[in-house]
Amino acid sequence: MTNKLSIKKKLLIYSFLIQAIILGIFSFSLYKALEISTLDKLQTTLKVIILDVTDDLLEETQITDALLDEEKEYNFEPLFIRILDNNTLKPIIQTSNFPQNIEHKDENLNRLKEGIVVFEEQSDYLVSRIKINFHNKQKVIIEVLTTKDILSSTLENILYILSFILPIVLIFAVIGGNFLIYKSFLPIENILEELKKINANDLSARLKSTQNKDEINQLIIEVNNLLERLEESFERITQFSSDASHELKTPLTIIRGEIEIALRKDRTIEEYKEALNSSLNEITIIEQTINDLLFLAKNKKDLIYEKEEIFYLDELVDESISELKGFAKLNEVTLELLVNDSAEIKGFPNLLKIAVKNAIKNAIQFSHKNTKVILNIFEKNDEIIVSIQDFGIGIPKDEQSKIFEKFYRTDKSRNKNSGGTGLGMSIMKKIIDINYGRINIESIENIGTTIYLSFYKK
């Protein structure tokens, strides 16, 4: 049933039950403590009286009714006294109004020790007894008792007070608990209202911070962090969709055109092969474009599948050159590596190799035939730098700031023929950023381009 209630109502119910239980335990403890305290005071009074009766008895030579006036002496009512013979257990003397319903067991009286006061509760009475030796003539038992009216009256009063106070306390506890719950949940309700205004079309809104160092403010910070991650993810998805639809439209149109032309009439085998090869090239471009877009759409956490490690940058560059020697040979370009300084850096070598290979591949593609691509590794200003220099078409000065934009091509026709997607530089920059590096470009049109990859030494 409680599953259908709101958290505020659940907390109010639980708070009421807990306070009711605590007050119940407190009331019971108070009742028992008062009962014990009142009974103890009553026993103390009876003990004083019975010892006084004992002293008065020992001062007399005979047991007379004059010993029964303690009620007047102590101004204590009601008070009942009697003296029993220890052998016969019969009354020797007793007050005239001594209760007839007071009973005693002979074995209990026989077990009494001389000079020791004992107490016994019987129905509505509290009985005190003591055994004494009366001048070595005989042993007697003195009984002094009173009613428990004082005890009953005191306990009735406390019950009356508690029955009046407890409901009032519980009412105020419920009101106070409801107020505290309302005040505690007010910031959360404000957060919910603000969250309702945020939708997938606009994730730029953020919750207002309370500037307090409490759990609510921590929740707001974490929700804002979540919204920031969601906004980033939505932007990447939206950008991916936009980029994909824009960039894939052209090759798909080309493929459709090639197929339609091929199907208009019967063609020779060579013509069909030519149409298929053209379509295959466009499909290859589509595949590479999709892979590159997926790479760019991933966040840093998705890209990093390995732990950071310390490695030599010159070894990584040398491996990249070895893997691209065949590609360079096909483009009639020679690769040359100059290592002036060797230093360790900390990062993600597998990712960084992709960036270095992209830089080398771009240099090869845009170089003039029978030229070199020179890679130089050196130190400068506490940084280890890799420069990739080509002697090719270069980049116009007014276009150098756009080089890292998606799908940007300095020479669209040549890049297209080489199978490029215009995403290589964007991928390279993203990887370099992940590895805490920087990219700088120097280029002169029709002379060549030099790319500088800078990293902090370990």
Protein backbone atom coordinates (compact mmCIF):
# COMPACT_ATOMS: atom_id res chain seq x y z
CA MET A 1 0.00 0.00 0.00
CA THR A 2 2.86 2.38 0.85
CA ASN A 3 4.24 1.86 -2.68
CA LYS A 4 1.43 4.09 -3.99
CA LEU A 5 2.31 6.94 -1.63
CA SER A 6 4.72 9.76 -2.37
CA ILE A 7 8.06 9.87 -0.57
CA LYS A 8 6.87 12.87 1.46
CA LYS A 9 3.83 10.97 2.73
CA LYS A 10 5.94 7.90 3.47
CA LEU A 11 8.40 9.99 5.46
CA LEU A 12 5.54 11.63 7.37
CA ILE A 13 4.03 8.23 8.24
CA TYR A 14 7.39 6.76 9.23
CA SER A 15 8.20 9.86 11.27
CA PHE A 16 4.84 9.64 13.07
CA LEU A 17 5.29 5.94 13.84
CA ILE A 18 8.86 6.37 15.07
CA GLN A 19 7.91 9.31 17.31
CA ALA A 20 4.86 7.43 18.62
CA ILE A 21 7.06 4.44 19.50
CA ILE A 22 9.69 6.67 21.13
CA LEU A 23 7.05 8.54 23.14
CA GLY A 24 5.42 5.25 24.10
CA ILE A 25 8.74 3.87 25.36
CA PHE A 26 9.49 7.13 27.16
CA SER A 27 6.03 7.17 28.80
CA PHE A 28 6.33 3.56 29.91
CA SER A 29 9.82 4.22 31.30
CA LEU A 30 8.58 7.34 33.11
CA TYR A 31 5.61 5.41 34.52
CA LYS A 32 7.80 2.56 35.80
CA ALA A 33 10.42 4.95 37.20
CA LEU A 34 7.74 6.91 39.08
CA GLU A 35 6.19 3.68 40.36
CA ILE A 36 9.53 2.43 41.65
CA SER A 37 10.42 5.82 43.13
CA THR A 38 7.04 6.20 44.91
CA LEU A 39 7.17 2.62 46.20
CA ASP A 40 10.71 3.18 47.44
CA LYS A 41 9.67 6.34 49.33
CA LEU A 42 6.71 4.47 50.81
CA GLN A 43 8.96 1.63 51.94
CA THR A 44 11.42 4.12 53.45
CA THR A 45 8.61 5.76 55.46
CA LEU A 46 7.33 2.41 56.72
CA LYS A 47 10.88 1.37 57.63
CA VAL A 48 11.37 4.51 59.73
CA ILE A 49 8.02 3.93 61.49
CA ILE A 50 8.55 0.24 62.18
CA LEU A 51 12.04 0.88 63.58
CA ASP A 52 10.60 3.62 65.80
CA VAL A 53 7.91 1.20 67.02
CA THR A 54 10.66 -1.33 67.73
CA ASP A 55 12.61 1.21 69.80
CA ASP A 56 9.49 2.21 71.71
CA LEU A 57 8.66 -1.45 72.37
CA LEU A 58 12.13 -2.22 73.71
CA GLU A 59 11.87 0.74 76.06
CA GLU A 60 8.72 -0.75 77.65
CA THR A 61 8.53 -3.65 80.06
CA GLN A 62 5.13 -4.70 78.83
CA ILE A 63 3.48 -4.78 75.44
CA THR A 64 0.65 -2.24 75.63
CA ASP A 65 -1.70 -0.41 73.27
CA ALA A 66 0.30 2.80 73.81
CA LEU A 67 2.66 1.54 71.13
CA LEU A 68 -0.04 1.92 68.49
CA ASP A 69 -0.18 5.73 68.33
CA GLU A 70 2.52 6.11 65.63
CA GLU A 71 -0.10 7.28 63.16
CA LYS A 72 -0.62 10.46 65.16
CA GLU A 73 3.09 10.87 65.85
CA TYR A 74 4.08 10.77 62.18
CA ASN A 75 0.89 12.33 60.84
CA PHE A 76 0.76 9.50 58.36
CA GLU A 77 -2.55 8.03 57.30
CA PRO A 78 -3.69 5.36 57.01
CA LEU A 79 -1.31 3.37 59.23
CA PHE A 80 -1.97 -0.05 60.72
CA ILE A 81 0.15 -1.78 63.40
CA ARG A 82 0.06 -5.15 65.07
CA ILE A 83 2.40 -7.32 67.09
CA LEU A 84 2.40 -11.11 66.65
CA ASP A 85 3.75 -13.78 68.91
CA ASN A 86 6.56 -15.51 67.08
CA ASN A 87 5.61 -18.96 68.40
CA THR A 88 1.85 -18.94 67.92
CA LEU A 89 1.80 -16.28 65.20
CA LYS A 90 -1.29 -14.89 66.89
CA PRO A 91 -1.82 -11.13 67.38
CA ILE A 92 -0.80 -9.78 70.77
CA ILE A 93 -2.05 -6.26 70.08
CA GLN A 94 -3.22 -4.43 66.95
CA THR A 95 -4.87 -1.22 65.91
CA SER A 96 -8.65 -1.32 66.02
CA ASN A 97 -9.06 -0.80 62.30
CA PHE A 98 -6.42 -3.31 61.22
CA PRO A 99 -7.51 -4.86 57.89
CA GLN A 100 -8.95 -8.35 58.20
CA ASN A 101 -7.86 -9.42 54.71
CA ILE A 102 -4.15 -9.27 55.50
CA GLU A 103 -2.78 -12.78 55.23
CA HIS A 104 0.57 -14.27 55.96
CA LYS A 105 2.21 -17.59 55.39
CA ASP A 106 3.66 -19.22 58.47
CA GLU A 107 6.80 -20.33 56.64
CA ASN A 108 7.47 -16.73 55.57
CA LEU A 109 7.19 -15.49 59.15
CA ASN A 110 9.38 -18.32 60.44
CA ARG A 111 12.09 -17.39 57.95
CA LEU A 112 12.30 -13.80 59.28
CA LYS A 113 15.68 -12.83 60.69
CA GLU A 114 15.92 -10.73 63.84
CA GLY A 115 16.42 -7.02 63.27
CA ILE A 116 15.86 -7.20 59.47
CA VAL A 117 12.97 -5.25 57.95
CA VAL A 118 11.24 -6.99 55.04
CA PHE A 119 8.42 -5.79 52.81
CA GLU A 120 5.51 -7.57 51.14
CA GLU A 121 2.78 -6.32 48.82
CA GLN A 122 -0.71 -7.68 49.38
CA SER A 123 -3.59 -6.52 47.17
CA ASP A 124 -3.95 -2.82 48.08
CA TYR A 125 -1.52 -2.83 51.00
CA LEU A 126 2.21 -2.55 51.57
CA VAL A 127 3.32 -4.58 54.62
CA SER A 128 6.59 -4.20 56.54
CA ARG A 129 7.74 -6.78 59.14
CA ILE A 130 10.56 -7.16 61.65
CA LYS A 131 11.33 -9.87 64.23
CA ILE A 132 12.80 -8.83 67.62
CA ASN A 133 13.66 -10.45 70.95
CA PHE A 134 11.59 -8.70 73.62
CA HIS A 135 13.83 -8.55 76.70
CA ASN A 136 14.70 -12.23 76.25
CA LYS A 137 11.16 -13.04 77.34
CA GLN A 138 9.70 -13.81 73.99
CA LYS A 139 10.21 -13.18 70.33
CA VAL A 140 7.64 -11.04 68.58
CA ILE A 141 6.94 -9.91 65.02
CA ILE A 142 5.98 -6.31 64.44
CA GLU A 143 3.87 -5.53 61.36
CA VAL A 144 3.35 -1.98 60.08
CA LEU A 145 1.33 -1.49 56.91
CA THR A 146 -0.42 1.13 54.89
CA THR A 147 -2.53 1.27 51.75
CA LYS A 148 -1.07 1.84 48.31
CA ASP A 149 -3.45 4.71 47.69
CA ILE A 150 -0.58 7.18 47.39
CA LEU A 151 1.09 4.97 44.82
CA SER A 152 -2.13 4.40 42.90
CA SER A 153 -3.03 8.08 43.01
CA THR A 154 0.41 9.11 41.78
CA LEU A 155 0.33 6.61 38.92
CA GLU A 156 -3.21 7.62 37.97
CA ASN A 157 -2.12 11.24 37.83
CA ILE A 158 0.86 10.46 35.60
CA LEU A 159 -1.38 8.38 33.32
CA TYR A 160 -3.83 11.24 33.11
CA ILE A 161 -1.05 13.71 32.32
CA LEU A 162 0.50 11.44 29.70
CA SER A 163 -2.85 10.69 28.06
CA PHE A 164 -3.39 14.45 27.75
CA ILE A 165 0.13 15.44 26.72
CA LEU A 166 1.05 12.60 24.31
CA PRO A 167 -1.64 13.35 21.68
CA ILE A 168 -0.69 17.05 21.77
CA VAL A 169 3.00 16.18 21.37
CA LEU A 170 2.21 13.83 18.48
CA ILE A 171 0.06 16.47 16.79
CA PHE A 172 2.84 19.04 17.02
CA ALA A 173 5.34 16.37 15.91
CA VAL A 174 3.25 15.67 12.79
CA ILE A 175 2.92 19.38 12.04
CA GLY A 176 6.65 19.96 12.60
CA GLY A 177 7.58 16.85 10.62
CA ASN A 178 5.36 17.91 7.73
CA PHE A 179 6.95 21.38 7.77
CA LEU A 180 10.49 19.95 7.78
CA ILE A 181 9.66 17.49 5.00
CA TYR A 182 8.10 20.27 2.92
CA LYS A 183 11.12 22.53 3.40
CA SER A 184 13.53 19.66 2.69
CA PHE A 185 11.75 18.63 -0.51
CA LEU A 186 11.15 22.15 -1.80
CA PRO A 187 14.57 22.32 -3.57
CA ILE A 188 13.93 18.90 -5.13
CA GLU A 189 10.50 20.02 -6.37
CA ASN A 190 12.13 23.12 -7.86
CA ILE A 191 14.65 20.85 -9.61
CA LEU A 192 11.81 18.74 -11.01
CA GLU A 193 10.04 21.83 -12.31
CA GLU A 194 13.22 23.02 -14.01
CA LEU A 195 13.87 19.56 -15.48
CA LYS A 196 10.37 19.48 -16.99
CA LYS A 197 11.31 22.54 -19.06
CA ILE A 198 14.32 20.75 -20.57
CA ASN A 199 13.72 18.63 -23.67
CA ALA A 200 15.73 17.00 -26.44
CA ASN A 201 15.30 20.06 -28.66
CA ASP A 202 17.15 22.29 -26.20
CA LEU A 203 19.60 20.76 -23.74
CA SER A 204 21.49 23.99 -23.15
CA ALA A 205 19.46 24.89 -20.04
CA ARG A 206 21.06 24.17 -16.66
CA LEU A 207 19.73 23.91 -13.13
CA LYS A 208 20.39 26.86 -10.83
CA SER A 209 22.98 26.14 -8.17
CA THR A 210 22.06 26.80 -4.53
CA GLN A 211 25.66 27.79 -3.70
CA ASN A 212 25.40 25.57 -0.62
CA LYS A 213 27.70 22.66 0.06
CA ASP A 214 24.85 20.26 0.79
CA GLU A 215 23.56 17.13 -0.94
CA ILE A 216 21.00 19.10 -2.96
CA ASN A 217 23.71 21.25 -4.52
CA GLN A 218 25.78 18.13 -5.24
CA LEU A 219 22.72 16.64 -6.95
CA ILE A 220 22.31 19.81 -9.04
CA ILE A 221 25.98 19.69 -10.04
CA GLU A 222 25.71 16.04 -11.09
CA VAL A 223 22.46 16.66 -13.02
CA ASN A 224 24.12 19.60 -14.81
CA ASN A 225 27.09 17.38 -15.63
CA LEU A 226 24.67 14.77 -16.98
CA LEU A 227 22.88 17.40 -19.07
CA GLU A 228 26.22 18.58 -20.40
CA ARG A 229 27.15 15.05 -21.43
CA LEU A 230 23.71 14.51 -22.98
CA GLU A 231 23.94 17.80 -24.87
CA GLU A 232 27.37 16.84 -26.15
CA SER A 233 26.07 13.41 -27.20
CA PHE A 234 23.01 14.88 -28.92
CA GLU A 235 25.19 17.41 -30.71
CA ARG A 236 27.49 14.65 -31.92
CA ILE A 237 24.52 12.57 -33.08
CA THR A 238 22.93 15.57 -34.80
CA GLN A 239 26.22 16.55 -36.39
CA PHE A 240 26.84 12.96 -37.46
CA SER A 241 23.41 12.78 -39.08
CA SER A 242 23.91 16.10 -40.80
CA ASP A 243 27.44 15.30 -41.97
CA ALA A 244 26.50 11.80 -43.11
CA SER A 245 23.43 12.90 -45.05
CA HIS A 246 25.39 15.77 -46.65
CA GLU A 247 28.53 13.83 -47.53
CA LEU A 248 26.90 10.54 -48.56
CA LYS A 249 24.39 12.15 -50.88
CA THR A 250 26.93 12.82 -53.65
CA PRO A 251 28.47 9.31 -53.92
CA LEU A 252 25.05 7.70 -53.70
CA THR A 253 23.82 9.95 -56.50
CA ILE A 254 26.88 8.97 -58.58
CA ILE A 255 26.26 5.25 -57.96
CA ARG A 256 22.60 5.62 -58.91
CA GLY A 257 23.53 7.51 -62.07
CA GLU A 258 26.12 4.88 -63.10
CA ILE A 259 23.60 2.07 -62.61
CA GLU A 260 20.80 3.89 -64.46
CA ILE A 261 23.09 4.62 -67.40
CA ALA A 262 24.29 1.02 -67.47
CA LEU A 263 20.69 -0.27 -67.53
CA ARG A 264 19.40 1.98 -70.33
CA LYS A 265 20.64 -0.42 -72.96
CA ASP A 266 22.81 -3.45 -73.33
CA ARG A 267 26.45 -2.76 -72.67
CA THR A 268 29.69 -4.51 -73.35
CA ILE A 269 31.48 -6.37 -70.56
CA GLU A 270 34.09 -3.63 -70.39
CA GLU A 271 31.39 -0.96 -69.97
CA TYR A 272 29.70 -2.96 -67.20
CA LYS A 273 33.07 -3.42 -65.48
CA GLU A 274 33.73 0.30 -65.75
CA ALA A 275 30.33 1.10 -64.18
CA LEU A 276 30.93 -1.44 -61.40
CA ASN A 277 34.43 -0.11 -60.71
CA SER A 278 33.10 3.44 -60.53
CA SER A 279 30.35 2.32 -58.14
CA LEU A 280 32.87 0.33 -56.07
CA ASN A 281 35.10 3.41 -55.71
CA GLU A 282 32.16 5.46 -54.52
CA ILE A 283 31.15 2.69 -52.08
CA THR A 284 34.72 2.65 -50.73
CA ILE A 285 34.49 6.40 -50.16
CA ILE A 286 31.13 5.94 -48.42
CA GLU A 287 32.59 3.24 -46.16
CA GLN A 288 35.61 5.37 -45.25
CA THR A 289 33.42 8.41 -44.66
CA ILE A 290 31.14 6.48 -42.32
CA ASN A 291 34.11 5.06 -40.39
CA ASP A 292 35.65 8.51 -40.04
CA LEU A 293 32.37 10.06 -38.96
CA LEU A 294 31.85 7.34 -36.37
CA PHE A 295 35.35 7.99 -35.07
CA LEU A 296 34.69 11.72 -34.74
CA ALA A 297 31.29 11.08 -33.13
CA LYS A 298 32.88 9.14 -30.27
CA ASN A 299 33.86 10.91 -27.08
CA LYS A 300 37.23 10.58 -25.40
CA LYS A 301 36.06 7.82 -23.06
CA ASP A 302 34.86 5.67 -25.98
CA LEU A 303 38.10 6.15 -27.92
CA ILE A 304 40.44 5.30 -25.05
CA TYR A 305 40.43 1.52 -24.71
CA GLU A 306 43.89 1.37 -23.19
CA LYS A 307 45.64 2.92 -20.20
CA GLU A 308 48.03 5.82 -20.57
CA GLU A 309 51.58 4.66 -20.92
CA ILE A 310 55.05 6.07 -21.39
CA PHE A 311 56.66 5.45 -24.79
CA TYR A 312 59.36 6.80 -27.11
CA LEU A 313 57.90 9.07 -29.78
CA ASP A 314 60.67 8.33 -32.31
CA GLU A 315 59.87 4.60 -32.19
CA LEU A 316 56.19 5.29 -32.87
CA VAL A 317 57.05 7.56 -35.85
CA ASP A 318 59.47 4.97 -37.22
CA GLU A 319 56.75 2.27 -37.08
CA SER A 320 54.31 4.60 -38.88
CA ILE A 321 56.85 5.26 -41.66
CA SER A 322 57.48 1.52 -42.11
CA GLU A 323 53.75 0.88 -42.53
CA LEU A 324 53.40 3.63 -45.18
CA LYS A 325 56.49 2.91 -47.30
CA GLY A 326 54.40 0.98 -49.82
CA PHE A 327 51.89 3.82 -50.11
CA ALA A 328 54.72 6.33 -50.58
CA LYS A 329 56.28 4.19 -53.29
CA LEU A 330 52.99 4.08 -55.22
CA ASN A 331 52.88 7.89 -55.11
CA GLU A 332 56.58 8.13 -56.11
CA VAL A 333 57.51 9.87 -52.87
CA THR A 334 60.45 9.09 -50.58
CA LEU A 335 60.12 9.10 -46.76
CA GLU A 336 63.05 10.34 -44.68
CA LEU A 337 63.33 10.33 -40.86
CA LEU A 338 65.68 12.62 -38.91
CA VAL A 339 65.91 12.01 -35.16
CA ASN A 340 67.77 14.88 -33.48
CA ASP A 341 66.41 14.15 -30.01
CA SER A 342 64.75 11.15 -28.46
CA ALA A 343 62.40 11.57 -25.51
CA GLU A 344 59.59 9.77 -23.73
CA ILE A 345 56.05 11.09 -23.64
CA LYS A 346 52.94 9.90 -21.84
CA GLY A 347 49.77 9.18 -23.78
CA PHE A 348 47.92 6.63 -25.88
CA PRO A 349 50.32 5.25 -28.50
CA ASN A 350 47.76 3.29 -30.56
CA LEU A 351 45.61 6.39 -31.06
CA LEU A 352 48.61 8.63 -31.66
CA LYS A 353 49.88 6.32 -34.39
CA ILE A 354 46.60 6.90 -36.30
CA ALA A 355 47.19 10.65 -36.17
CA VAL A 356 50.85 10.40 -37.21
CA LYS A 357 49.95 8.10 -40.11
CA ASN A 358 47.19 10.49 -41.22
CA ALA A 359 49.69 13.35 -41.23
CA ILE A 360 52.26 11.32 -43.21
CA LYS A 361 49.61 10.05 -45.63
CA ASN A 362 48.36 13.59 -46.30
CA ALA A 363 51.93 14.74 -46.90
CA ILE A 364 52.44 11.89 -49.40
CA GLN A 365 49.15 12.56 -51.22
CA PHE A 366 49.77 16.28 -51.67
CA SER A 367 53.47 16.02 -52.56
CA HIS A 368 54.80 16.42 -56.08
CA LYS A 369 56.14 13.27 -57.65
CA ASN A 370 59.79 12.37 -57.07
CA THR A 371 60.00 14.52 -53.93
CA LYS A 372 60.60 13.75 -50.27
CA VAL A 373 58.51 13.83 -47.13
CA ILE A 374 60.92 14.67 -44.31
CA LEU A 375 60.07 13.80 -40.73
CA ASN A 376 62.16 15.45 -38.05
CA ILE A 377 62.04 14.81 -34.29
CA PHE A 378 63.61 17.43 -32.04
CA GLU A 379 63.26 19.20 -28.69
CA LYS A 380 62.29 22.82 -28.20
CA ASN A 381 61.16 24.71 -25.08
CA ASP A 382 60.71 21.53 -22.99
CA GLU A 383 58.62 19.94 -25.75
CA ILE A 384 59.31 17.08 -28.11
CA ILE A 385 58.20 18.00 -31.62
CA VAL A 386 57.54 15.95 -34.75
CA SER A 387 57.60 17.92 -37.99
CA ILE A 388 56.23 16.43 -41.24
CA GLN A 389 57.43 18.44 -44.23
CA ASP A 390 56.29 17.86 -47.80
CA PHE A 391 57.12 19.58 -51.07
CA GLY A 392 53.76 19.76 -52.75
CA ILE A 393 50.79 21.91 -53.59
CA GLY A 394 50.67 23.69 -50.23
CA ILE A 395 47.68 25.40 -48.66
CA PRO A 396 46.51 28.93 -49.53
CA LYS A 397 47.04 31.29 -46.61
CA ASP A 398 43.39 32.29 -46.39
CA GLU A 399 42.39 28.61 -46.12
CA GLN A 400 44.89 27.46 -43.47
CA SER A 401 42.52 28.34 -40.58
CA LYS A 402 39.90 25.99 -42.08
CA ILE A 403 42.14 22.97 -42.43
CA PHE A 404 40.72 21.18 -39.38
CA GLU A 405 37.07 21.64 -40.36
CA LYS A 406 35.13 18.55 -41.33
CA PHE A 407 35.06 17.74 -45.07
CA TYR A 408 37.39 20.63 -45.88
CA ARG A 409 39.57 19.94 -48.92
CA THR A 410 42.28 22.22 -50.27
CA ASP A 411 42.19 20.43 -53.61
CA LYS A 412 38.82 18.73 -53.90
CA SER A 413 39.50 16.93 -57.16
CA ARG A 414 42.85 15.50 -56.09
CA ASN A 415 41.61 14.56 -52.62
CA LYS A 416 38.63 12.84 -54.18
CA ASN A 417 40.78 10.81 -56.53
CA SER A 418 43.02 9.74 -53.67
CA GLY A 419 40.10 8.40 -51.72
CA GLY A 420 40.11 11.07 -49.03
CA THR A 421 37.00 12.10 -47.13
CA GLY A 422 38.07 15.51 -45.84
CA LEU A 423 37.99 14.19 -42.26
CA GLY A 424 41.62 13.17 -41.77
CA MET A 425 42.77 16.48 -40.29
CA SER A 426 39.75 16.62 -37.95
CA ILE A 427 40.55 13.11 -36.73
CA MET A 428 44.21 13.99 -36.32
CA LYS A 429 43.44 17.10 -34.22
CA LYS A 430 41.06 15.16 -31.98
CA ILE A 431 43.69 12.48 -31.32
CA ILE A 432 46.44 15.04 -30.67
CA ASP A 433 44.15 16.82 -28.16
CA ILE A 434 43.49 13.52 -26.38
CA ASN A 435 47.27 13.04 -26.11
CA TYR A 436 47.67 16.56 -24.62
CA GLY A 437 49.50 17.82 -27.73
CA ARG A 438 49.29 20.75 -30.16
CA ILE A 439 49.23 21.08 -33.96
CA ASN A 440 50.75 23.95 -35.92
CA ILE A 441 50.86 24.32 -39.71
CA GLU A 442 53.19 26.31 -41.91
CA SER A 443 52.45 26.26 -45.62
CA ILE A 444 53.35 28.14 -48.79
CA GLU A 445 51.24 27.52 -51.85
CA ASN A 446 52.96 25.43 -54.55
CA ILE A 447 56.07 25.05 -52.36
CA GLY A 448 55.00 22.77 -49.54
CA THR A 449 53.54 22.29 -46.08
CA THR A 450 55.03 21.50 -42.68
CA ILE A 451 52.92 20.15 -39.83
CA TYR A 452 54.30 20.37 -36.28
CA LEU A 453 53.02 17.94 -33.62
CA SER A 454 54.17 19.14 -30.18
CA PHE A 455 54.07 17.10 -26.94
CA TYR A 456 55.26 17.62 -23.40
CA LYS A 457 58.14 15.38 -22.39
CA LYS A 458 57.62 12.87 -19.61
